[in-house]
Amino acid sequence: MQRTTHRPRLLTRPGVVALAAAVALTAGACAKSEDDASKDTRSPAAAGAEQKVVTPEPGSKTCAIDAYGAEKLDLQNATVGFSQSEKEANPFRIAETQSIKDEAKKRGVKLLTANAQSQFSKQISDVQDLLAKGADLLVIAPLNSDGWDPVLQAAAAKKVPIVTIDRKINATACKDYVSFIASDFVEQGRRAADQMIEATGGKGEVAILLGSAGNNVTTERTKGFKERIAEKAPELKVVFEQTGDFAREKGQQVTEQLIQSKPGIKGIYAENDEMGLGAVAALKGAGKKAGDVKIVTVDGTRNAVQGIVDGWISGVIESNPRFGPLAFQTLDTFTKGEEVPQDVIIQDSAYDADNAKTEISKAY
């Protein structure tokens, strides 16, 4: 199978290198799967599940506390507010929130949490409430990329630094927020395309189950997929695109419509695992056999990786949700007065038929 890998260069800037090194030492605390959560030790395979940072290229932009306009503080004596965007029915969100909670507990940091239940207006009021309750620092998993001005203005008035994870806020780094921590979503789309090309032989009609509108994840995963298909497999045609809102039920409904309108569809690119699993359910309901329609997804949940083992899914590109160690280390480094990258990019792995069975313990 064709694979795309990053070969990042190393930097010697103390703040950036110290951040990456510290994360490497601390991230293992959140690498347990849900099934292993009650155990005191992890298997060797699960030990590789923590987030790994792609070292920024020389000249990448950084942020320091003086430029941002905040004040130094001791993270251990601070209150951190965490705003989760979506209902925690999605394993990605469950793992993400648990990682934040685990790292706060490990560090002895007071943590305030709120869940917007997939309602953007509620997330705005949630973050304003966290500020009112005394949050000194904020970690936000945004539902949408736009519409954050009320929060950014309120945080700036109180000189509260913000780190965003997973989805990007359309604002100015090192002015409105400190750092954005996430995967390279365009690259995820490219790697998903590589898996789809491999699975289909690079010919036929394929569909895209789009994520939610209004955020950079959907836009960038779509962009990367289409660019790679156009570049490497022009005989593979995207003939259907419809949002599944990153939800399993919606993914199933859309795939049921797809089967009716495009009975010859050869592949489905689902922009998260939940929609991909919904597609599997729809195919089973239609009497299809495993492998009749090639499915490639993004996330790395245990159920999706098991889908590879069972033959229903061809490949999964990981999008690692264990942000706790990296988010807290970024805040710790920043509040001590050291530089942190404005964009902290995670290097994700991938699952296919060659490694799904042996590496499923790393999934969440």
Foldseek 3Di string as FASTA:
>chain_A
DDFDFDDADDDDAVLAVVLQVQLLVPQQLLLFDPVCVVPPDDDPLSSPQGWHFRRDDPPFDWAALVLQVAAFDAQLAFEEEEEAEADPPDPLSVSQVVLQVRLCVVSNGHYHYDYQHNDQVSSQVSLVVVVVVHHQEYEYAHSAQDDNVVNLVSCVVVRYAYEYEAWHHPDDDSHSHPAYEWAQLLVQLQRLLVLVCVLQVLADEEEEAFADPRIPNRVNSVNSNVVNSVVPRVRYHHDYYDYQNLAQCSLLVVLLVCCVVPVRHAEYEYAAVSSQNSNLVNCVVVVHDQSSHEYEYEAQALVSLVCQVVRNYFKYWHTRSSCNSSVSSQVNSNSNGHIYGRYTHTGTDMHGNVCSVPNSSSHD
